């Protein structure tokens, strides 16, 4: 389950109801947090120890349609949920990242605008030398409802 940021809510409102242009990002960047972001942004993103956001191209192949996890055709479902169609794997940590509790999806590799965010089902403490943190296909669920 995820939340939509204030930034994206405003952009979608202006696009759909107010006729203002909005260019969807070509790439989305998945981030990890040790303190929760909010709709306004913030939170504490992981830093150091080889951490980097993971890029995923915005496409039918990479994000499921709303009708079913893993689908690769235009959305036709009723629940408003989409999920990652492939694994999302971060670099292996070379220092402790702390207790990772949330994920975020941004429109830039660094900085940028938070679009979606949510709590991990199970927080994970990431230590130096741990295997590369990863989300399995279907594990990142983004809901517009």
C-alpha atoms as a PDB file:
ATOM      1  CA  UNK A   1       0.000   0.000   0.000  1.00  0.00           C
ATOM      2  CA  UNK A   2       1.268   3.465  -0.755  1.00  0.00           C
ATOM      3  CA  UNK A   3       0.427   7.124  -0.420  1.00  0.00           C
ATOM      4  CA  UNK A   4       0.497   9.806  -3.104  1.00  0.00           C
ATOM      5  CA  UNK A   5       2.622  12.876  -2.421  1.00  0.00           C
ATOM      6  CA  UNK A   6       1.163  16.374  -2.281  1.00  0.00           C
ATOM      7  CA  UNK A   7       3.353  17.232  -5.284  1.00  0.00           C
ATOM      8  CA  UNK A   8       1.791  14.517  -7.458  1.00  0.00           C
ATOM      9  CA  UNK A   9      -1.745  15.195  -6.199  1.00  0.00           C
ATOM     10  CA  UNK A  10      -1.344  18.842  -7.226  1.00  0.00           C
ATOM     11  CA  UNK A  11       0.121  17.961 -10.635  1.00  0.00           C
ATOM     12  CA  UNK A  12      -2.697  15.500 -11.388  1.00  0.00           C
ATOM     13  CA  UNK A  13      -5.365  17.980 -10.252  1.00  0.00           C
ATOM     14  CA  UNK A  14      -3.894  20.702 -12.445  1.00  0.00           C
ATOM     15  CA  UNK A  15      -3.550  18.312 -15.409  1.00  0.00           C
ATOM     16  CA  UNK A  16      -7.001  16.751 -15.302  1.00  0.00           C
ATOM     17  CA  UNK A  17      -9.192  19.524 -13.924  1.00  0.00           C
ATOM     18  CA  UNK A  18      -7.324  22.690 -14.794  1.00  0.00           C
ATOM     19  CA  UNK A  19      -5.803  21.930 -18.210  1.00  0.00           C
ATOM     20  CA  UNK A  20      -2.208  22.485 -17.094  1.00  0.00           C
ATOM     21  CA  UNK A  21       0.631  20.587 -18.739  1.00  0.00           C
ATOM     22  CA  UNK A  22       2.454  17.848 -16.866  1.00  0.00           C
ATOM     23  CA  UNK A  23       5.171  15.687 -18.356  1.00  0.00           C
ATOM     24  CA  UNK A  24       5.372  12.286 -16.737  1.00  0.00           C
ATOM     25  CA  UNK A  25       8.921  11.228 -15.872  1.00  0.00           C
ATOM     26  CA  UNK A  26      10.537   8.769 -18.285  1.00  0.00           C
ATOM     27  CA  UNK A  27      12.262   7.060 -15.360  1.00  0.00           C
ATOM     28  CA  UNK A  28      11.174   6.490 -11.792  1.00  0.00           C
ATOM     29  CA  UNK A  29      13.647   6.063  -8.939  1.00  0.00           C
ATOM     30  CA  UNK A  30      12.955   3.805  -5.964  1.00  0.00           C
ATOM     31  CA  UNK A  31      14.444   4.989  -2.672  1.00  0.00           C
ATOM     32  CA  UNK A  32      14.742   3.557   0.844  1.00  0.00           C
ATOM     33  CA  UNK A  33      14.044   5.434   4.077  1.00  0.00           C
ATOM     34  CA  UNK A  34      14.949   4.970   7.740  1.00  0.00           C
ATOM     35  CA  UNK A  35      12.323   7.502   8.848  1.00  0.00           C
ATOM     36  CA  UNK A  36       8.940   7.866   7.212  1.00  0.00           C
ATOM     37  CA  UNK A  37       8.352  10.484   4.549  1.00  0.00           C
ATOM     38  CA  UNK A  38       4.920  12.086   4.377  1.00  0.00           C
ATOM     39  CA  UNK A  39       2.729  13.407   1.596  1.00  0.00           C
ATOM     40  CA  UNK A  40       4.696  16.658   1.928  1.00  0.00           C
ATOM     41  CA  UNK A  41       8.042  14.835   1.482  1.00  0.00           C
ATOM     42  CA  UNK A  42      10.742  14.691   4.128  1.00  0.00           C
ATOM     43  CA  UNK A  43      11.673  11.488   5.889  1.00  0.00           C
ATOM     44  CA  UNK A  44      15.249  10.266   6.154  1.00  0.00           C
ATOM     45  CA  UNK A  45      16.553   8.620   2.996  1.00  0.00           C
ATOM     46  CA  UNK A  46      19.385   6.127   3.354  1.00  0.00           C
ATOM     47  CA  UNK A  47      22.823   7.606   2.545  1.00  0.00           C
ATOM     48  CA  UNK A  48      26.385   6.310   2.236  1.00  0.00           C
ATOM     49  CA  UNK A  49      27.715   2.784   2.052  1.00  0.00           C
ATOM     50  CA  UNK A  50      27.138   2.438  -1.733  1.00  0.00           C
ATOM     51  CA  UNK A  51      23.434   3.313  -1.420  1.00  0.00           C
ATOM     52  CA  UNK A  52      21.802   4.631  -4.580  1.00  0.00           C
ATOM     53  CA  UNK A  53      18.241   4.920  -5.816  1.00  0.00           C
ATOM     54  CA  UNK A  54      17.238   2.282  -8.347  1.00  0.00           C
ATOM     55  CA  UNK A  55      15.993   3.487 -11.749  1.00  0.00           C
ATOM     56  CA  UNK A  56      12.992   1.862 -13.388  1.00  0.00           C
ATOM     57  CA  UNK A  57      11.809   3.041 -16.782  1.00  0.00           C
ATOM     58  CA  UNK A  58       8.131   3.998 -16.756  1.00  0.00           C
ATOM     59  CA  UNK A  59       6.567   1.419 -19.090  1.00  0.00           C
ATOM     60  CA  UNK A  60       3.888  -1.236 -19.456  1.00  0.00           C
ATOM     61  CA  UNK A  61       6.626  -3.876 -19.178  1.00  0.00           C
ATOM     62  CA  UNK A  62       8.002  -2.580 -15.863  1.00  0.00           C
ATOM     63  CA  UNK A  63       4.803  -1.697 -13.954  1.00  0.00           C
ATOM     64  CA  UNK A  64       1.675  -3.860 -13.923  1.00  0.00           C
ATOM     65  CA  UNK A  65      -1.708  -2.759 -15.153  1.00  0.00           C
ATOM     66  CA  UNK A  66      -4.405  -2.294 -12.531  1.00  0.00           C
ATOM     67  CA  UNK A  67      -6.178  -5.493 -13.569  1.00  0.00           C
ATOM     68  CA  UNK A  68      -3.511  -7.949 -12.338  1.00  0.00           C
ATOM     69  CA  UNK A  69      -0.010  -8.144 -10.930  1.00  0.00           C
ATOM     70  CA  UNK A  70       2.442  -8.921 -13.716  1.00  0.00           C
ATOM     71  CA  UNK A  71       0.194  -7.679 -16.525  1.00  0.00           C
ATOM     72  CA  UNK A  72       1.863  -5.766 -19.344  1.00  0.00           C
ATOM     73  CA  UNK A  73      -1.109  -4.196 -21.132  1.00  0.00           C
ATOM     74  CA  UNK A  74      -2.897  -0.899 -20.488  1.00  0.00           C
ATOM     75  CA  UNK A  75      -4.775  -0.736 -17.176  1.00  0.00           C
ATOM     76  CA  UNK A  76      -8.396  -1.912 -17.084  1.00  0.00           C
ATOM     77  CA  UNK A  77      -8.846  -2.881 -13.422  1.00  0.00           C
ATOM     78  CA  UNK A  78     -10.979  -1.314 -10.718  1.00  0.00           C
ATOM     79  CA  UNK A  79      -8.656  -1.121  -7.691  1.00  0.00           C
ATOM     80  CA  UNK A  80      -6.198   1.504  -8.910  1.00  0.00           C
ATOM     81  CA  UNK A  81      -3.136  -0.537  -7.892  1.00  0.00           C
ATOM     82  CA  UNK A  82       0.023  -1.138  -9.918  1.00  0.00           C
ATOM     83  CA  UNK A  83       3.167  -3.001  -8.886  1.00  0.00           C
ATOM     84  CA  UNK A  84       6.688  -3.601 -10.103  1.00  0.00           C
ATOM     85  CA  UNK A  85       6.886  -6.374 -12.713  1.00  0.00           C
ATOM     86  CA  UNK A  86      10.538  -7.212 -12.033  1.00  0.00           C
ATOM     87  CA  UNK A  87      12.837  -7.368  -9.046  1.00  0.00           C
ATOM     88  CA  UNK A  88      14.179  -4.032  -7.783  1.00  0.00           C
ATOM     89  CA  UNK A  89      17.687  -4.570  -6.422  1.00  0.00           C
ATOM     90  CA  UNK A  90      19.793  -1.961  -4.642  1.00  0.00           C
ATOM     91  CA  UNK A  91      23.602  -2.005  -4.513  1.00  0.00           C
ATOM     92  CA  UNK A  92      25.150  -4.202  -1.826  1.00  0.00           C
ATOM     93  CA  UNK A  93      25.785  -2.113   1.307  1.00  0.00           C
ATOM     94  CA  UNK A  94      29.403  -1.270   2.137  1.00  0.00           C
ATOM     95  CA  UNK A  95      28.380   0.373   5.432  1.00  0.00           C
ATOM     96  CA  UNK A  96      25.378   0.073   7.726  1.00  0.00           C
ATOM     97  CA  UNK A  97      22.245   1.682   6.260  1.00  0.00           C
ATOM     98  CA  UNK A  98      20.233   1.428   9.464  1.00  0.00           C
ATOM     99  CA  UNK A  99      16.699   0.188   9.984  1.00  0.00           C
ATOM    100  CA  UNK A 100      14.930   0.627   6.644  1.00  0.00           C
ATOM    101  CA  UNK A 101      11.215   1.217   7.219  1.00  0.00           C
ATOM    102  CA  UNK A 102       9.806   2.866   4.072  1.00  0.00           C
ATOM    103  CA  UNK A 103      10.203   3.172   0.323  1.00  0.00           C
ATOM    104  CA  UNK A 104       9.649   6.170  -1.919  1.00  0.00           C
ATOM    105  CA  UNK A 105       9.379   6.680  -5.658  1.00  0.00           C
ATOM    106  CA  UNK A 106      10.936   9.853  -7.065  1.00  0.00           C
ATOM    107  CA  UNK A 107      11.150  11.541 -10.458  1.00  0.00           C
ATOM    108  CA  UNK A 108      14.947  12.035 -10.238  1.00  0.00           C
ATOM    109  CA  UNK A 109      18.020  10.000  -9.359  1.00  0.00           C
ATOM    110  CA  UNK A 110      18.983  12.577  -6.716  1.00  0.00           C
ATOM    111  CA  UNK A 111      16.761  15.187  -5.102  1.00  0.00           C
ATOM    112  CA  UNK A 112      13.698  15.564  -7.255  1.00  0.00           C
ATOM    113  CA  UNK A 113      10.070  15.184  -6.265  1.00  0.00           C
ATOM    114  CA  UNK A 114       8.617  12.405  -4.154  1.00  0.00           C
ATOM    115  CA  UNK A 115       5.693  10.865  -6.049  1.00  0.00           C
ATOM    116  CA  UNK A 116       4.658   7.858  -3.960  1.00  0.00           C
ATOM    117  CA  UNK A 117       5.736   6.421  -0.623  1.00  0.00           C
ATOM    118  CA  UNK A 118       4.807   3.614   1.721  1.00  0.00           C
ATOM    119  CA  UNK A 119       5.833   1.555   4.714  1.00  0.00           C
ATOM    120  CA  UNK A 120       7.628  -1.742   4.263  1.00  0.00           C
ATOM    121  CA  UNK A 121       5.597  -4.742   5.358  1.00  0.00           C
ATOM    122  CA  UNK A 122       8.550  -5.753   7.531  1.00  0.00           C
ATOM    123  CA  UNK A 123      11.270  -3.190   8.386  1.00  0.00           C
ATOM    124  CA  UNK A 124      14.786  -4.456   7.712  1.00  0.00           C
ATOM    125  CA  UNK A 125      18.056  -3.515   9.393  1.00  0.00           C
ATOM    126  CA  UNK A 126      20.694  -3.341   6.656  1.00  0.00           C
ATOM    127  CA  UNK A 127      24.294  -3.864   7.769  1.00  0.00           C
ATOM    128  CA  UNK A 128      27.659  -3.645   6.041  1.00  0.00           C
ATOM    129  CA  UNK A 129      28.206  -6.780   3.977  1.00  0.00           C
ATOM    130  CA  UNK A 130      24.544  -7.831   3.879  1.00  0.00           C
ATOM    131  CA  UNK A 131      23.222  -9.115   0.561  1.00  0.00           C
ATOM    132  CA  UNK A 132      21.910  -6.403  -1.749  1.00  0.00           C
ATOM    133  CA  UNK A 133      18.446  -5.334  -0.550  1.00  0.00           C
ATOM    134  CA  UNK A 134      15.777  -6.224  -3.069  1.00  0.00           C
ATOM    135  CA  UNK A 135      12.041  -6.066  -3.684  1.00  0.00           C
ATOM    136  CA  UNK A 136      10.596  -9.111  -5.457  1.00  0.00           C
ATOM    137  CA  UNK A 137       8.333  -8.588  -8.458  1.00  0.00           C
ATOM    138  CA  UNK A 138       4.956  -7.373  -7.211  1.00  0.00           C
ATOM    139  CA  UNK A 139       6.283  -6.210  -3.833  1.00  0.00           C
ATOM    140  CA  UNK A 140       6.113  -2.453  -4.489  1.00  0.00           C
ATOM    141  CA  UNK A 141       2.428  -1.617  -4.761  1.00  0.00           C
ATOM    142  CA  UNK A 142       1.354   1.878  -5.785  1.00  0.00           C
ATOM    143  CA  UNK A 143      -2.321   2.721  -5.410  1.00  0.00           C
ATOM    144  CA  UNK A 144      -4.320   5.613  -6.842  1.00  0.00           C
ATOM    145  CA  UNK A 145      -7.676   5.239  -5.146  1.00  0.00           C
END
